Amino acid sequence: MYAFGALLARMSYIGRWGLMRNARLETLSEHVTTTTVTANLLGHIAKELFAAEVDPAKITCFALYHDVGEILNGDLPTPVKYRNSEIRRAYKKLETESEERILATLPQELRAALSPQVSGNGLNEREKQIVKAADRFSALIKCIEEEQSGNTEFVSAKESTLNKIRSEPLPETEYFLRHFIPAYSLTLDELLTPQD
């Protein structure tokens, strides 16, 4: 019996944004889905529109597994995780140990293939930056959704997240901000209305 798939399915039990009042709880599973879709789009934008030497499939796989450690550790709130370098180093070590523990639930024959996808070790620097940006875009999208629900709790988080995205600009992130992010504020009817 191998527990890897069942452990990943538990992402739907882990809530995010624990220190904030949420109009709707976001699970780790939802966050990973948004991050993965966004990372895939960013990878294709980088490759097709900006001729970046990136592999969208590798980017997508890493995004899918980027928060695997949180299955065992939960989501540590950003103000705690980044309070100081000592806490960040200790948490990174804990994440790595958790990833290794989860990888150990795979058949031995699959561990070598999946390990770089979980750790991101097989990615070049641009590909890693794209996944990091996708993770931040997922947070931004959550902030937009909360704001659309009338929840002002996420206003400063939205501004902070936008600043982080803009502080490490890539052509693909600028493109995504300009051409994709505005749609997240629209209603379903507006999304389905043909654009000029």
N, C-alpha and C. Protein backbone atom coordinates (compact mmCIF):
# COMPACT_ATOMS: atom_id res chain seq x y z
N MET A 1 0.85 -1.19 0.00
CA MET A 1 0.00 0.00 0.00
C MET A 1 0.89 1.25 0.00
N TYR A 2 0.55 2.20 -0.85
CA TYR A 2 1.30 3.45 -0.96
C TYR A 2 0.38 4.62 -0.65
N ALA A 3 0.80 5.47 0.27
CA ALA A 3 -0.06 6.53 0.80
C ALA A 3 0.06 7.87 0.08
N PHE A 4 0.96 7.99 -0.89
CA PHE A 4 1.25 9.28 -1.52
C PHE A 4 -0.02 9.99 -2.01
N GLY A 5 -0.81 9.34 -2.83
CA GLY A 5 -2.03 9.95 -3.38
C GLY A 5 -3.01 10.33 -2.29
N ALA A 6 -3.18 9.46 -1.31
CA ALA A 6 -4.12 9.74 -0.21
C ALA A 6 -3.65 10.92 0.63
N LEU A 7 -2.34 11.04 0.82
CA LEU A 7 -1.81 12.19 1.56
C LEU A 7 -2.08 13.48 0.79
N LEU A 8 -1.84 13.48 -0.52
CA LEU A 8 -2.10 14.69 -1.30
C LEU A 8 -3.57 15.06 -1.31
N ALA A 9 -4.45 14.06 -1.25
CA ALA A 9 -5.89 14.34 -1.21
C ALA A 9 -6.28 15.10 0.06
N ARG A 10 -5.45 15.02 1.09
CA ARG A 10 -5.74 15.70 2.35
C ARG A 10 -5.53 17.22 2.27
N MET A 11 -5.02 17.70 1.12
CA MET A 11 -4.87 19.16 0.95
C MET A 11 -6.22 19.86 1.07
N SER A 12 -7.29 19.15 0.77
CA SER A 12 -8.61 19.78 0.84
C SER A 12 -9.06 20.01 2.28
N TYR A 13 -8.33 19.47 3.27
CA TYR A 13 -8.67 19.68 4.68
C TYR A 13 -7.91 20.85 5.30
N ILE A 14 -6.93 21.37 4.61
CA ILE A 14 -6.03 22.36 5.20
C ILE A 14 -6.46 23.76 4.76
N GLY A 15 -6.85 24.56 5.74
CA GLY A 15 -7.26 25.93 5.45
C GLY A 15 -6.07 26.87 5.36
N ARG A 16 -6.25 27.91 4.58
CA ARG A 16 -5.22 28.94 4.43
C ARG A 16 -5.72 30.25 5.02
N TRP A 17 -4.84 31.22 5.12
CA TRP A 17 -5.17 32.55 5.62
C TRP A 17 -5.76 32.50 7.03
N GLY A 18 -5.15 31.71 7.88
CA GLY A 18 -5.69 31.44 9.22
C GLY A 18 -5.77 32.64 10.13
N LEU A 19 -4.97 33.68 9.90
CA LEU A 19 -5.01 34.84 10.78
C LEU A 19 -5.99 35.91 10.32
N MET A 20 -6.67 35.65 9.21
CA MET A 20 -7.54 36.67 8.64
C MET A 20 -8.99 36.20 8.59
N ARG A 21 -9.91 37.17 8.70
CA ARG A 21 -11.33 36.87 8.55
C ARG A 21 -11.59 36.66 7.07
N ASN A 22 -12.12 35.50 6.73
CA ASN A 22 -12.39 35.13 5.35
C ASN A 22 -13.88 35.15 5.06
N ALA A 23 -14.27 35.69 3.92
CA ALA A 23 -15.66 35.56 3.49
C ALA A 23 -15.92 34.11 3.09
N ARG A 24 -14.89 33.47 2.53
CA ARG A 24 -14.97 32.06 2.16
C ARG A 24 -13.60 31.43 2.39
N LEU A 25 -13.57 30.34 3.12
CA LEU A 25 -12.33 29.65 3.41
C LEU A 25 -11.71 29.10 2.14
N GLU A 26 -10.42 29.31 1.98
CA GLU A 26 -9.67 28.72 0.87
C GLU A 26 -8.86 27.56 1.40
N THR A 27 -8.95 26.41 0.74
CA THR A 27 -8.17 25.25 1.16
C THR A 27 -6.84 25.24 0.41
N LEU A 28 -5.92 24.45 0.93
CA LEU A 28 -4.63 24.26 0.27
C LEU A 28 -4.84 23.67 -1.12
N SER A 29 -5.80 22.80 -1.27
CA SER A 29 -6.10 22.20 -2.56
C SER A 29 -6.51 23.27 -3.58
N GLU A 30 -7.36 24.19 -3.17
CA GLU A 30 -7.78 25.28 -4.07
C GLU A 30 -6.59 26.17 -4.44
N HIS A 31 -5.77 26.48 -3.45
CA HIS A 31 -4.58 27.30 -3.70
C HIS A 31 -3.65 26.63 -4.71
N VAL A 32 -3.43 25.34 -4.52
CA VAL A 32 -2.54 24.61 -5.42
C VAL A 32 -3.11 24.59 -6.84
N THR A 33 -4.42 24.41 -6.96
CA THR A 33 -5.04 24.41 -8.28
C THR A 33 -4.85 25.76 -8.97
N THR A 34 -5.12 26.85 -8.27
CA THR A 34 -4.96 28.18 -8.86
C THR A 34 -3.50 28.44 -9.21
N THR A 35 -2.59 28.06 -8.33
CA THR A 35 -1.16 28.25 -8.59
C THR A 35 -0.72 27.44 -9.81
N THR A 36 -1.20 26.20 -9.92
CA THR A 36 -0.80 25.33 -11.03
C THR A 36 -1.30 25.86 -12.36
N VAL A 37 -2.56 26.27 -12.42
CA VAL A 37 -3.12 26.82 -13.66
C VAL A 37 -2.36 28.09 -14.05
N THR A 38 -2.12 28.95 -13.07
CA THR A 38 -1.41 30.21 -13.33
C THR A 38 0.02 29.95 -13.78
N ALA A 39 0.70 29.02 -13.12
CA ALA A 39 2.08 28.69 -13.49
C ALA A 39 2.14 28.16 -14.92
N ASN A 40 1.17 27.32 -15.28
CA ASN A 40 1.13 26.79 -16.64
C ASN A 40 0.97 27.93 -17.65
N LEU A 41 0.03 28.83 -17.38
CA LEU A 41 -0.18 29.98 -18.28
C LEU A 41 1.08 30.84 -18.36
N LEU A 42 1.68 31.15 -17.22
CA LEU A 42 2.89 31.96 -17.20
C LEU A 42 4.02 31.29 -17.98
N GLY A 43 4.14 29.97 -17.84
CA GLY A 43 5.17 29.24 -18.57
C GLY A 43 4.97 29.34 -20.07
N HIS A 44 3.73 29.19 -20.50
CA HIS A 44 3.44 29.30 -21.94
C HIS A 44 3.62 30.74 -22.44
N ILE A 45 3.22 31.71 -21.63
CA ILE A 45 3.42 33.12 -22.00
C ILE A 45 4.91 33.40 -22.15
N ALA A 46 5.70 32.94 -21.17
CA ALA A 46 7.15 33.17 -21.22
C ALA A 46 7.77 32.55 -22.46
N LYS A 47 7.37 31.33 -22.75
CA LYS A 47 7.96 30.60 -23.88
C LYS A 47 7.48 31.13 -25.22
N GLU A 48 6.18 31.28 -25.38
CA GLU A 48 5.61 31.61 -26.69
C GLU A 48 5.67 33.11 -27.02
N LEU A 49 5.50 33.96 -26.02
CA LEU A 49 5.47 35.40 -26.30
C LEU A 49 6.81 36.08 -26.06
N PHE A 50 7.65 35.51 -25.18
CA PHE A 50 8.90 36.17 -24.83
C PHE A 50 10.13 35.30 -25.08
N ALA A 51 9.95 34.18 -25.78
CA ALA A 51 11.05 33.29 -26.18
C ALA A 51 11.96 32.88 -25.02
N ALA A 52 11.38 32.73 -23.85
CA ALA A 52 12.16 32.29 -22.69
C ALA A 52 12.46 30.79 -22.81
N GLU A 53 13.60 30.40 -22.32
CA GLU A 53 13.98 29.00 -22.34
C GLU A 53 13.42 28.32 -21.09
N VAL A 54 12.13 28.01 -21.17
CA VAL A 54 11.42 27.38 -20.06
C VAL A 54 10.61 26.21 -20.59
N ASP A 55 10.32 25.28 -19.70
CA ASP A 55 9.50 24.12 -20.04
C ASP A 55 8.20 24.21 -19.24
N PRO A 56 7.09 24.60 -19.88
CA PRO A 56 5.82 24.74 -19.16
C PRO A 56 5.39 23.47 -18.43
N ALA A 57 5.72 22.30 -18.96
CA ALA A 57 5.34 21.05 -18.29
C ALA A 57 6.08 20.90 -16.96
N LYS A 58 7.37 21.20 -16.94
CA LYS A 58 8.14 21.14 -15.68
C LYS A 58 7.64 22.16 -14.68
N ILE A 59 7.34 23.34 -15.18
CA ILE A 59 6.81 24.41 -14.32
C ILE A 59 5.48 23.97 -13.69
N THR A 60 4.62 23.38 -14.50
CA THR A 60 3.31 22.94 -14.04
C THR A 60 3.44 21.85 -12.98
N CYS A 61 4.33 20.89 -13.21
CA CYS A 61 4.52 19.81 -12.22
C CYS A 61 5.02 20.34 -10.90
N PHE A 62 5.99 21.25 -10.94
CA PHE A 62 6.50 21.81 -9.68
C PHE A 62 5.41 22.60 -8.96
N ALA A 63 4.62 23.38 -9.71
CA ALA A 63 3.53 24.14 -9.10
C ALA A 63 2.53 23.20 -8.41
N LEU A 64 2.27 22.07 -9.05
CA LEU A 64 1.33 21.10 -8.49
C LEU A 64 1.79 20.60 -7.12
N TYR A 65 3.10 20.45 -6.96
CA TYR A 65 3.65 19.90 -5.72
C TYR A 65 4.32 20.95 -4.82
N HIS A 66 4.24 22.22 -5.15
CA HIS A 66 5.04 23.23 -4.46
C HIS A 66 4.74 23.37 -2.97
N ASP A 67 3.57 23.00 -2.52
CA ASP A 67 3.23 23.13 -1.09
C ASP A 67 2.98 21.78 -0.42
N VAL A 68 3.58 20.73 -0.95
CA VAL A 68 3.38 19.38 -0.40
C VAL A 68 3.70 19.33 1.09
N GLY A 69 4.73 20.04 1.52
CA GLY A 69 5.11 20.02 2.93
C GLY A 69 4.00 20.49 3.85
N GLU A 70 3.10 21.33 3.35
CA GLU A 70 2.02 21.85 4.19
C GLU A 70 0.98 20.79 4.53
N ILE A 71 1.02 19.66 3.85
CA ILE A 71 0.10 18.57 4.19
C ILE A 71 0.37 18.10 5.62
N LEU A 72 1.63 18.08 6.01
CA LEU A 72 1.99 17.65 7.37
C LEU A 72 2.16 18.82 8.33
N ASN A 73 2.47 20.02 7.80
CA ASN A 73 2.79 21.16 8.66
C ASN A 73 1.67 22.19 8.76
N GLY A 74 0.71 22.14 7.86
CA GLY A 74 -0.30 23.18 7.79
C GLY A 74 0.27 24.41 7.11
N ASP A 75 -0.55 25.43 6.98
CA ASP A 75 -0.14 26.68 6.34
C ASP A 75 0.31 27.64 7.42
N LEU A 76 1.61 27.90 7.49
CA LEU A 76 2.13 28.85 8.46
C LEU A 76 1.88 30.26 7.92
N PRO A 77 1.18 31.11 8.67
CA PRO A 77 0.87 32.45 8.16
C PRO A 77 2.13 33.25 7.81
N THR A 78 2.04 34.02 6.76
CA THR A 78 3.17 34.81 6.26
C THR A 78 3.83 35.66 7.34
N PRO A 79 3.07 36.38 8.20
CA PRO A 79 3.74 37.20 9.21
C PRO A 79 4.60 36.38 10.18
N VAL A 80 4.26 35.12 10.36
CA VAL A 80 5.05 34.24 11.23
C VAL A 80 6.23 33.68 10.43
N LYS A 81 5.94 33.14 9.25
CA LYS A 81 6.96 32.47 8.44
C LYS A 81 8.12 33.40 8.09
N TYR A 82 7.83 34.66 7.83
CA TYR A 82 8.86 35.59 7.38
C TYR A 82 9.25 36.61 8.45
N ARG A 83 8.93 36.32 9.71
CA ARG A 83 9.23 37.28 10.78
C ARG A 83 10.73 37.54 10.89
N ASN A 84 11.53 36.48 10.79
CA ASN A 84 12.99 36.66 10.79
C ASN A 84 13.65 35.48 10.07
N SER A 85 14.92 35.63 9.75
CA SER A 85 15.62 34.63 8.95
C SER A 85 15.76 33.29 9.69
N GLU A 86 15.85 33.33 11.00
CA GLU A 86 15.97 32.10 11.77
C GLU A 86 14.70 31.24 11.66
N ILE A 87 13.55 31.88 11.79
CA ILE A 87 12.28 31.16 11.65
C ILE A 87 12.13 30.65 10.23
N ARG A 88 12.49 31.47 9.24
CA ARG A 88 12.37 31.06 7.83
C ARG A 88 13.24 29.84 7.54
N ARG A 89 14.48 29.85 8.04
CA ARG A 89 15.39 28.70 7.84
C ARG A 89 14.84 27.44 8.50
N ALA A 90 14.34 27.59 9.73
CA ALA A 90 13.80 26.44 10.46
C ALA A 90 12.58 25.88 9.75
N TYR A 91 11.71 26.78 9.24
CA TYR A 91 10.52 26.32 8.53
C TYR A 91 10.88 25.64 7.22
N LYS A 92 11.89 26.19 6.52
CA LYS A 92 12.34 25.58 5.26
C LYS A 92 12.86 24.17 5.52
N LYS A 93 13.58 23.99 6.61
CA LYS A 93 14.08 22.66 6.98
C LYS A 93 12.91 21.72 7.26
N LEU A 94 11.92 22.20 7.99
CA LEU A 94 10.73 21.40 8.29
C LEU A 94 9.99 21.03 7.01
N GLU A 95 9.85 21.99 6.08
CA GLU A 95 9.20 21.71 4.79
C GLU A 95 9.94 20.61 4.03
N THR A 96 11.27 20.71 3.98
CA THR A 96 12.09 19.72 3.27
C THR A 96 11.92 18.34 3.89
N GLU A 97 11.95 18.27 5.21
CA GLU A 97 11.77 16.99 5.90
C GLU A 97 10.38 16.41 5.61
N SER A 98 9.37 17.26 5.58
CA SER A 98 8.01 16.81 5.29
C SER A 98 7.89 16.31 3.86
N GLU A 99 8.51 17.02 2.91
CA GLU A 99 8.51 16.57 1.51
C GLU A 99 9.15 15.19 1.39
N GLU A 100 10.29 15.01 2.06
CA GLU A 100 10.99 13.72 2.02
C GLU A 100 10.14 12.61 2.64
N ARG A 101 9.47 12.94 3.71
CA ARG A 101 8.60 11.95 4.37
C ARG A 101 7.44 11.54 3.46
N ILE A 102 6.88 12.51 2.75
CA ILE A 102 5.77 12.20 1.84
C ILE A 102 6.28 11.42 0.63
N LEU A 103 7.45 11.82 0.09
CA LEU A 103 8.03 11.07 -1.03
C LEU A 103 8.31 9.62 -0.65
N ALA A 104 8.62 9.38 0.61
CA ALA A 104 8.91 8.02 1.09
C ALA A 104 7.68 7.12 1.05
N THR A 105 6.49 7.71 0.83
CA THR A 105 5.27 6.90 0.74
C THR A 105 5.00 6.40 -0.68
N LEU A 106 5.92 6.71 -1.60
CA LEU A 106 5.83 6.23 -2.98
C LEU A 106 6.58 4.92 -3.14
N PRO A 107 6.26 4.14 -4.17
CA PRO A 107 7.11 3.00 -4.49
C PRO A 107 8.52 3.50 -4.79
N GLN A 108 9.51 2.75 -4.39
CA GLN A 108 10.91 3.14 -4.59
C GLN A 108 11.18 3.53 -6.04
N GLU A 109 10.56 2.83 -6.97
CA GLU A 109 10.81 3.06 -8.40
C GLU A 109 10.32 4.44 -8.87
N LEU A 110 9.42 5.07 -8.14
CA LEU A 110 8.87 6.37 -8.54
C LEU A 110 9.53 7.55 -7.83
N ARG A 111 10.24 7.30 -6.75
CA ARG A 111 10.78 8.40 -5.94
C ARG A 111 11.77 9.27 -6.72
N ALA A 112 12.65 8.66 -7.48
CA ALA A 112 13.64 9.44 -8.22
C ALA A 112 12.98 10.34 -9.26
N ALA A 113 11.90 9.86 -9.88
CA ALA A 113 11.20 10.64 -10.89
C ALA A 113 10.42 11.79 -10.29
N LEU A 114 9.79 11.57 -9.13
CA LEU A 114 8.94 12.60 -8.53
C LEU A 114 9.69 13.56 -7.62
N SER A 115 10.82 13.15 -7.09
CA SER A 115 11.56 13.99 -6.15
C SER A 115 11.90 15.37 -6.73
N PRO A 116 12.43 15.47 -7.96
CA PRO A 116 12.71 16.82 -8.50
C PRO A 116 11.45 17.64 -8.74
N GLN A 117 10.34 16.98 -9.00
CA GLN A 117 9.08 17.71 -9.20
C GLN A 117 8.58 18.29 -7.89
N VAL A 118 8.80 17.59 -6.80
CA VAL A 118 8.38 18.08 -5.48
C VAL A 118 9.33 19.17 -4.99
N SER A 119 10.63 18.97 -5.18
CA SER A 119 11.63 19.92 -4.66
C SER A 119 11.88 21.10 -5.59
N GLY A 120 11.61 20.94 -6.89
CA GLY A 120 11.91 21.98 -7.85
C GLY A 120 13.36 21.97 -8.30
N ASN A 121 14.12 20.94 -7.90
CA ASN A 121 15.54 20.89 -8.22
C ASN A 121 15.83 20.75 -9.71
N GLY A 122 14.88 20.29 -10.50
CA GLY A 122 15.11 20.14 -11.93
C GLY A 122 14.81 21.38 -12.75
N LEU A 123 14.48 22.49 -12.10
CA LEU A 123 14.08 23.70 -12.82
C LEU A 123 15.24 24.69 -12.93
N ASN A 124 15.24 25.46 -14.01
CA ASN A 124 16.21 26.54 -14.10
C ASN A 124 15.67 27.73 -13.30
N GLU A 125 16.48 28.78 -13.17
CA GLU A 125 16.11 29.90 -12.31
C GLU A 125 14.83 30.60 -12.80
N ARG A 126 14.67 30.77 -14.09
CA ARG A 126 13.47 31.44 -14.63
C ARG A 126 12.23 30.61 -14.31
N GLU A 127 12.32 29.30 -14.45
CA GLU A 127 11.19 28.42 -14.16
C GLU A 127 10.80 28.51 -12.69
N LYS A 128 11.79 28.57 -11.80
CA LYS A 128 11.50 28.73 -10.36
C LYS A 128 10.84 30.08 -10.09
N GLN A 129 11.31 31.12 -10.76
CA GLN A 129 10.72 32.45 -10.59
C GLN A 129 9.26 32.46 -11.04
N ILE A 130 8.97 31.72 -12.10
CA ILE A 130 7.60 31.66 -12.61
C ILE A 130 6.68 30.99 -11.59
N VAL A 131 7.12 29.90 -10.97
CA VAL A 131 6.29 29.24 -9.96
C VAL A 131 6.10 30.14 -8.75
N LYS A 132 7.15 30.82 -8.34
CA LYS A 132 7.04 31.77 -7.22
C LYS A 132 6.02 32.86 -7.56
N ALA A 133 6.09 33.37 -8.79
CA ALA A 133 5.13 34.40 -9.21
C ALA A 133 3.72 33.84 -9.23
N ALA A 134 3.55 32.62 -9.72
CA ALA A 134 2.22 31.99 -9.76
C ALA A 134 1.66 31.83 -8.35
N ASP A 135 2.51 31.48 -7.40
CA ASP A 135 2.10 31.36 -6.00
C ASP A 135 1.58 32.72 -5.49
N ARG A 136 2.29 33.76 -5.85
CA ARG A 136 1.87 35.10 -5.44
C ARG A 136 0.59 35.52 -6.16
N PHE A 137 0.47 35.18 -7.44
CA PHE A 137 -0.76 35.50 -8.16
C PHE A 137 -1.95 34.77 -7.52
N SER A 138 -1.75 33.55 -7.05
CA SER A 138 -2.83 32.84 -6.37
C SER A 138 -3.29 33.62 -5.14
N ALA A 139 -2.33 34.15 -4.39
CA ALA A 139 -2.68 34.97 -3.22
C ALA A 139 -3.42 36.24 -3.65
N LEU A 140 -2.95 36.86 -4.73
CA LEU A 140 -3.60 38.06 -5.24
C LEU A 140 -5.04 37.78 -5.65
N ILE A 141 -5.25 36.66 -6.33
CA ILE A 141 -6.59 36.28 -6.76
C ILE A 141 -7.50 36.06 -5.56
N LYS A 142 -6.98 35.43 -4.50
CA LYS A 142 -7.76 35.26 -3.28
C LYS A 142 -8.14 36.63 -2.70
N CYS A 143 -7.19 37.56 -2.69
CA CYS A 143 -7.48 38.90 -2.17
C CYS A 143 -8.56 39.59 -2.99
N ILE A 144 -8.49 39.45 -4.31
CA ILE A 144 -9.50 40.05 -5.20
C ILE A 144 -10.87 39.45 -4.91
N GLU A 145 -10.93 38.13 -4.76
CA GLU A 145 -12.21 37.46 -4.47
C GLU A 145 -12.79 37.94 -3.15
N GLU A 146 -11.95 38.06 -2.13
CA GLU A 146 -12.43 38.53 -0.83
C GLU A 146 -12.93 39.97 -0.93
N GLU A 147 -12.19 40.80 -1.64
CA GLU A 147 -12.59 42.19 -1.83
C GLU A 147 -13.92 42.28 -2.59
N GLN A 148 -14.09 41.42 -3.59
CA GLN A 148 -15.34 41.38 -4.36
C GLN A 148 -16.52 40.96 -3.47
N SER A 149 -16.22 40.22 -2.41
CA SER A 149 -17.26 39.78 -1.47
C SER A 149 -17.55 40.83 -0.40
N GLY A 150 -16.88 41.99 -0.50
CA GLY A 150 -17.09 43.05 0.48
C GLY A 150 -16.21 42.95 1.71
N ASN A 151 -15.26 42.04 1.70
CA ASN A 151 -14.37 41.85 2.85
C ASN A 151 -13.16 42.76 2.72
N THR A 152 -13.08 43.79 3.55
CA THR A 152 -11.96 44.73 3.50
C THR A 152 -10.72 44.21 4.23
N GLU A 153 -10.83 43.07 4.87
CA GLU A 153 -9.71 42.46 5.61
C GLU A 153 -8.50 42.21 4.70
N PHE A 154 -8.76 42.02 3.40
CA PHE A 154 -7.69 41.62 2.48
C PHE A 154 -7.12 42.79 1.67
N VAL A 155 -7.55 44.01 1.95
CA VAL A 155 -7.09 45.17 1.17
C VAL A 155 -5.57 45.34 1.28
N SER A 156 -5.04 45.32 2.50
CA SER A 156 -3.59 45.51 2.65
C SER A 156 -2.81 44.29 2.14
N ALA A 157 -3.38 43.10 2.29
CA ALA A 157 -2.72 41.90 1.76
C ALA A 157 -2.65 41.97 0.23
N LYS A 158 -3.70 42.50 -0.38
CA LYS A 158 -3.70 42.66 -1.84
C LYS A 158 -2.58 43.61 -2.27
N GLU A 159 -2.47 44.73 -1.61
CA GLU A 159 -1.44 45.72 -1.96
C GLU A 159 -0.04 45.15 -1.74
N SER A 160 0.14 44.46 -0.63
CA SER A 160 1.44 43.85 -0.33
C SER A 160 1.81 42.79 -1.37
N THR A 161 0.83 41.98 -1.76
CA THR A 161 1.07 40.93 -2.76
C THR A 161 1.40 41.54 -4.11
N LEU A 162 0.67 42.57 -4.51
CA LEU A 162 0.97 43.27 -5.76
C LEU A 162 2.39 43.84 -5.75
N ASN A 163 2.79 44.41 -4.62
CA ASN A 163 4.14 44.96 -4.50
C ASN A 163 5.20 43.88 -4.63
N LYS A 164 4.94 42.71 -4.06
CA LYS A 164 5.89 41.59 -4.19
C LYS A 164 6.00 41.13 -5.64
N ILE A 165 4.87 41.04 -6.33
CA ILE A 165 4.89 40.63 -7.74
C ILE A 165 5.67 41.65 -8.56
N ARG A 166 5.41 42.92 -8.32
CA ARG A 166 6.09 43.99 -9.08
C ARG A 166 7.55 44.13 -8.71
N SER A 167 7.94 43.69 -7.52
CA SER A 167 9.33 43.83 -7.09
C SER A 167 10.27 42.85 -7.79
N GLU A 168 9.71 41.80 -8.38
CA GLU A 168 10.51 40.82 -9.12
C GLU A 168 9.88 40.64 -10.50
N PRO A 169 9.92 41.70 -11.31
CA PRO A 169 9.19 41.66 -12.59
C PRO A 169 9.82 40.71 -13.60
N LEU A 170 8.95 40.04 -14.31
CA LEU A 170 9.30 39.23 -15.47
C LEU A 170 8.36 39.67 -16.58
N PRO A 171 8.75 39.54 -17.83
CA PRO A 171 7.83 39.94 -18.90
C PRO A 171 6.48 39.22 -18.80
N GLU A 172 6.54 37.94 -18.44
CA GLU A 172 5.29 37.17 -18.35
C GLU A 172 4.41 37.60 -17.18
N THR A 173 5.01 38.05 -16.08
CA THR A 173 4.19 38.51 -14.96
C THR A 173 3.55 39.85 -15.27
N GLU A 174 4.30 40.72 -15.94
CA GLU A 174 3.73 42.00 -16.36
C GLU A 174 2.57 41.77 -17.33
N TYR A 175 2.75 40.84 -18.25
CA TYR A 175 1.71 40.51 -19.22
C TYR A 175 0.47 39.96 -18.51
N PHE A 176 0.68 39.06 -17.55
CA PHE A 176 -0.43 38.46 -16.81
C PHE A 176 -1.17 39.52 -16.00
N LEU A 177 -0.42 40.41 -15.36
CA LEU A 177 -1.05 41.50 -14.60
C LEU A 177 -1.94 42.36 -15.50
N ARG A 178 -1.45 42.67 -16.66
CA ARG A 178 -2.16 43.57 -17.57
C ARG A 178 -3.34 42.90 -18.28
N HIS A 179 -3.15 41.65 -18.70
CA HIS A 179 -4.13 41.01 -19.58
C HIS A 179 -5.03 39.95 -18.91
N PHE A 180 -4.63 39.41 -17.78
CA PHE A 180 -5.42 38.35 -17.14
C PHE A 180 -6.05 38.78 -15.82
N ILE A 181 -5.30 39.46 -14.97
CA ILE A 181 -5.79 39.79 -13.63
C ILE A 181 -7.08 40.62 -13.64
N PRO A 182 -7.28 41.59 -14.54
CA PRO A 182 -8.54 42.36 -14.51
C PRO A 182 -9.79 41.48 -14.62
N ALA A 183 -9.69 40.36 -15.29
CA ALA A 183 -10.86 39.48 -15.46
C ALA A 183 -11.32 38.87 -14.14
N TYR A 184 -10.45 38.77 -13.16
CA TYR A 184 -10.83 38.16 -11.88
C TYR A 184 -11.81 39.03 -11.09
N SER A 185 -12.02 40.26 -11.51
CA SER A 185 -12.99 41.15 -10.85
C SER A 185 -14.34 41.15 -11.54
N LEU A 186 -14.48 40.39 -12.63
CA LEU A 186 -15.71 40.40 -13.41
C LEU A 186 -16.71 39.35 -12.94
N THR A 187 -17.97 39.57 -13.27
CA THR A 187 -19.01 38.57 -13.01
C THR A 187 -18.96 37.50 -14.10
N LEU A 188 -19.67 36.41 -13.89
CA LEU A 188 -19.71 35.34 -14.90
C LEU A 188 -20.25 35.86 -16.23
N ASP A 189 -21.33 36.65 -16.18
CA ASP A 189 -21.90 37.20 -17.42
C ASP A 189 -20.88 38.07 -18.14
N GLU A 190 -20.15 38.88 -17.40
CA GLU A 190 -19.13 39.74 -18.01
C GLU A 190 -17.99 38.91 -18.61
N LEU A 191 -17.62 37.83 -17.93
CA LEU A 191 -16.55 36.96 -18.43
C LEU A 191 -16.93 36.30 -19.75
N LEU A 192 -18.22 36.01 -19.90
CA LEU A 192 -18.69 35.29 -21.09
C LEU A 192 -19.12 36.21 -22.23
N THR A 193 -19.10 37.52 -21.98
CA THR A 193 -19.45 38.48 -23.04
C THR A 193 -18.28 38.61 -23.99
N PRO A 194 -18.52 38.46 -25.29
CA PRO A 194 -17.40 38.57 -26.25
C PRO A 194 -16.73 39.93 -26.14
N GLN A 195 -15.39 39.90 -26.20
CA GLN A 195 -14.59 41.13 -26.13
C GLN A 195 -14.28 41.59 -27.56
N ASP A 196 -14.06 42.88 -27.71
CA ASP A 196 -13.68 43.43 -29.02
C ASP A 196 -12.26 43.05 -29.36
